[in-house]
Amino acid sequence: MKVGDLVKLSAQGARLVHCQSFRDKIGIVVEVRSKQLYPIIVQWFDACVSTGLSYQRLNLKFVSRT
């Protein structure tokens, strides 16, 4: 993933307790850090969180273009 990609939670990410409020939401990747446990920073649209949250790649999937 790279900065600017639109993402949503994968099936595994949706099962995480701390991610339940972001189910069915779309976010944008704002930063990708190297050599971090949670390298991908996502800013969610229509979320009450003003800062980006960190995720692993397996917890996210790309939004389809349809």
N, C-alpha and C. Protein backbone atom coordinates (compact mmCIF):
# COMPACT_ATOMS: atom_id res chain seq x y z
N MET A 1 0.83 -1.18 0.00
CA MET A 1 0.00 0.00 0.00
C MET A 1 0.88 1.24 0.00
N LYS A 2 0.33 2.30 -0.55
CA LYS A 2 1.07 3.54 -0.60
C LYS A 2 0.15 4.70 -0.21
N VAL A 3 0.74 5.84 0.04
CA VAL A 3 -0.01 7.02 0.46
C VAL A 3 -1.02 7.39 -0.63
N GLY A 4 -2.25 7.66 -0.21
CA GLY A 4 -3.31 8.03 -1.13
C GLY A 4 -4.25 6.90 -1.50
N ASP A 5 -3.93 5.65 -1.16
CA ASP A 5 -4.81 4.51 -1.46
C ASP A 5 -6.04 4.56 -0.57
N LEU A 6 -7.19 4.24 -1.16
CA LEU A 6 -8.42 4.12 -0.38
C LEU A 6 -8.52 2.70 0.14
N VAL A 7 -8.83 2.56 1.43
CA VAL A 7 -8.86 1.25 2.07
C VAL A 7 -10.09 1.10 2.94
N LYS A 8 -10.38 -0.13 3.30
CA LYS A 8 -11.36 -0.44 4.33
C LYS A 8 -10.85 -1.64 5.09
N LEU A 9 -11.52 -1.99 6.17
CA LEU A 9 -11.06 -3.11 6.99
C LEU A 9 -11.28 -4.43 6.25
N SER A 10 -10.32 -5.31 6.35
CA SER A 10 -10.48 -6.66 5.83
C SER A 10 -11.35 -7.45 6.80
N ALA A 11 -11.65 -8.68 6.48
CA ALA A 11 -12.46 -9.52 7.37
C ALA A 11 -11.75 -9.70 8.71
N GLN A 12 -10.45 -9.87 8.67
CA GLN A 12 -9.70 -10.03 9.92
C GLN A 12 -9.69 -8.73 10.71
N GLY A 13 -9.53 -7.61 10.05
CA GLY A 13 -9.54 -6.32 10.73
C GLY A 13 -10.89 -5.99 11.35
N ALA A 14 -11.97 -6.40 10.70
CA ALA A 14 -13.31 -6.14 11.21
C ALA A 14 -13.60 -6.95 12.47
N ARG A 15 -12.90 -8.05 12.67
CA ARG A 15 -13.11 -8.87 13.86
C ARG A 15 -12.41 -8.29 15.10
N LEU A 16 -11.48 -7.37 14.90
CA LEU A 16 -10.76 -6.79 16.03
C LEU A 16 -11.69 -5.88 16.83
N VAL A 17 -11.63 -5.98 18.13
CA VAL A 17 -12.54 -5.24 19.00
C VAL A 17 -12.34 -3.73 18.87
N HIS A 18 -11.09 -3.28 18.83
CA HIS A 18 -10.84 -1.85 18.77
C HIS A 18 -11.13 -1.23 17.40
N CYS A 19 -11.47 -2.04 16.41
CA CYS A 19 -11.77 -1.54 15.07
C CYS A 19 -13.26 -1.59 14.75
N GLN A 20 -14.09 -1.98 15.68
CA GLN A 20 -15.51 -2.18 15.40
C GLN A 20 -16.20 -0.90 14.92
N SER A 21 -15.76 0.26 15.39
CA SER A 21 -16.41 1.50 14.98
C SER A 21 -16.05 1.90 13.55
N PHE A 22 -15.08 1.23 12.93
CA PHE A 22 -14.66 1.57 11.58
C PHE A 22 -15.15 0.56 10.54
N ARG A 23 -15.99 -0.38 10.95
CA ARG A 23 -16.56 -1.31 9.98
C ARG A 23 -17.39 -0.53 8.97
N ASP A 24 -17.35 -0.94 7.74
CA ASP A 24 -18.12 -0.32 6.65
C ASP A 24 -17.74 1.12 6.39
N LYS A 25 -16.58 1.56 6.85
CA LYS A 25 -16.10 2.92 6.56
C LYS A 25 -14.93 2.84 5.60
N ILE A 26 -14.70 3.93 4.90
CA ILE A 26 -13.59 4.03 3.97
C ILE A 26 -12.58 5.01 4.53
N GLY A 27 -11.31 4.68 4.36
CA GLY A 27 -10.25 5.56 4.82
C GLY A 27 -9.20 5.76 3.74
N ILE A 28 -8.28 6.66 4.01
CA ILE A 28 -7.19 6.94 3.09
C ILE A 28 -5.87 6.76 3.82
N VAL A 29 -4.92 6.13 3.15
CA VAL A 29 -3.60 5.93 3.72
C VAL A 29 -2.87 7.27 3.70
N VAL A 30 -2.45 7.75 4.88
CA VAL A 30 -1.77 9.04 4.95
C VAL A 30 -0.28 8.91 5.19
N GLU A 31 0.17 7.74 5.65
CA GLU A 31 1.60 7.54 5.88
C GLU A 31 1.90 6.06 5.93
N VAL A 32 3.06 5.68 5.41
CA VAL A 32 3.55 4.30 5.51
C VAL A 32 4.95 4.38 6.10
N ARG A 33 5.11 3.79 7.27
CA ARG A 33 6.40 3.79 7.96
C ARG A 33 7.07 2.45 7.73
N SER A 34 8.37 2.45 7.65
CA SER A 34 9.10 1.20 7.47
C SER A 34 9.56 0.66 8.82
N LYS A 35 9.62 -0.64 8.88
CA LYS A 35 10.13 -1.36 10.06
C LYS A 35 9.38 -1.02 11.34
N GLN A 36 8.06 -0.94 11.27
CA GLN A 36 7.20 -0.72 12.42
C GLN A 36 6.26 -1.92 12.53
N LEU A 37 5.77 -2.17 13.72
CA LEU A 37 4.81 -3.25 13.90
C LEU A 37 3.48 -2.93 13.21
N TYR A 38 3.06 -1.67 13.30
CA TYR A 38 1.85 -1.20 12.63
C TYR A 38 2.25 -0.06 11.69
N PRO A 39 2.68 -0.39 10.47
CA PRO A 39 3.31 0.62 9.62
C PRO A 39 2.36 1.54 8.84
N ILE A 40 1.09 1.19 8.71
CA ILE A 40 0.20 1.94 7.84
C ILE A 40 -0.71 2.83 8.68
N ILE A 41 -0.65 4.15 8.42
CA ILE A 41 -1.49 5.12 9.12
C ILE A 41 -2.67 5.45 8.22
N VAL A 42 -3.89 5.28 8.77
CA VAL A 42 -5.11 5.50 7.99
C VAL A 42 -5.94 6.59 8.66
N GLN A 43 -6.44 7.52 7.85
CA GLN A 43 -7.40 8.52 8.32
C GLN A 43 -8.76 8.10 7.79
N TRP A 44 -9.70 7.85 8.69
CA TRP A 44 -11.03 7.37 8.31
C TRP A 44 -11.95 8.53 8.00
N PHE A 45 -12.75 8.40 6.94
CA PHE A 45 -13.77 9.40 6.61
C PHE A 45 -14.96 9.20 7.54
N ASP A 46 -15.63 10.27 7.90
CA ASP A 46 -16.81 10.24 8.77
C ASP A 46 -16.52 9.58 10.12
N ALA A 47 -15.32 9.75 10.62
CA ALA A 47 -14.97 9.18 11.93
C ALA A 47 -14.74 10.33 12.92
N CYS A 48 -15.01 10.06 14.17
CA CYS A 48 -14.85 11.09 15.19
C CYS A 48 -13.39 11.20 15.64
N VAL A 49 -12.51 10.39 15.11
CA VAL A 49 -11.10 10.42 15.47
C VAL A 49 -10.40 11.42 14.54
N SER A 50 -9.72 12.40 15.09
CA SER A 50 -9.10 13.43 14.27
C SER A 50 -7.70 13.05 13.80
N THR A 51 -7.07 12.08 14.43
CA THR A 51 -5.73 11.66 14.04
C THR A 51 -5.80 10.31 13.33
N GLY A 52 -4.75 9.98 12.60
CA GLY A 52 -4.69 8.70 11.91
C GLY A 52 -4.41 7.57 12.87
N LEU A 53 -4.89 6.40 12.54
CA LEU A 53 -4.67 5.21 13.36
C LEU A 53 -3.79 4.23 12.62
N SER A 54 -3.00 3.45 13.34
CA SER A 54 -2.03 2.53 12.76
C SER A 54 -2.61 1.14 12.58
N TYR A 55 -2.25 0.49 11.47
CA TYR A 55 -2.73 -0.85 11.15
C TYR A 55 -1.63 -1.67 10.52
N GLN A 56 -1.79 -2.98 10.60
CA GLN A 56 -0.96 -3.90 9.83
C GLN A 56 -1.61 -4.11 8.48
N ARG A 57 -0.83 -4.52 7.51
CA ARG A 57 -1.34 -4.71 6.16
C ARG A 57 -2.47 -5.74 6.11
N LEU A 58 -2.39 -6.78 6.89
CA LEU A 58 -3.39 -7.83 6.84
C LEU A 58 -4.75 -7.41 7.38
N ASN A 59 -4.82 -6.27 8.07
CA ASN A 59 -6.09 -5.78 8.60
C ASN A 59 -6.81 -4.84 7.64
N LEU A 60 -6.20 -4.55 6.49
CA LEU A 60 -6.77 -3.62 5.52
C LEU A 60 -6.89 -4.27 4.16
N LYS A 61 -7.82 -3.75 3.36
CA LYS A 61 -7.92 -4.15 1.96
C LYS A 61 -8.26 -2.93 1.12
N PHE A 62 -7.93 -3.00 -0.16
CA PHE A 62 -8.20 -1.90 -1.07
C PHE A 62 -9.70 -1.78 -1.31
N VAL A 63 -10.17 -0.56 -1.54
CA VAL A 63 -11.56 -0.32 -1.92
C VAL A 63 -11.67 -0.57 -3.42
N SER A 64 -12.69 -1.32 -3.83
CA SER A 64 -12.86 -1.59 -5.25
C SER A 64 -13.35 -0.33 -5.96
N ARG A 65 -13.09 -0.24 -7.24
CA ARG A 65 -13.42 0.95 -8.01
C ARG A 65 -14.80 0.90 -8.60
N THR A 66 -15.62 -0.04 -8.26
CA THR A 66 -16.95 -0.13 -8.85
C THR A 66 -17.94 0.73 -8.14
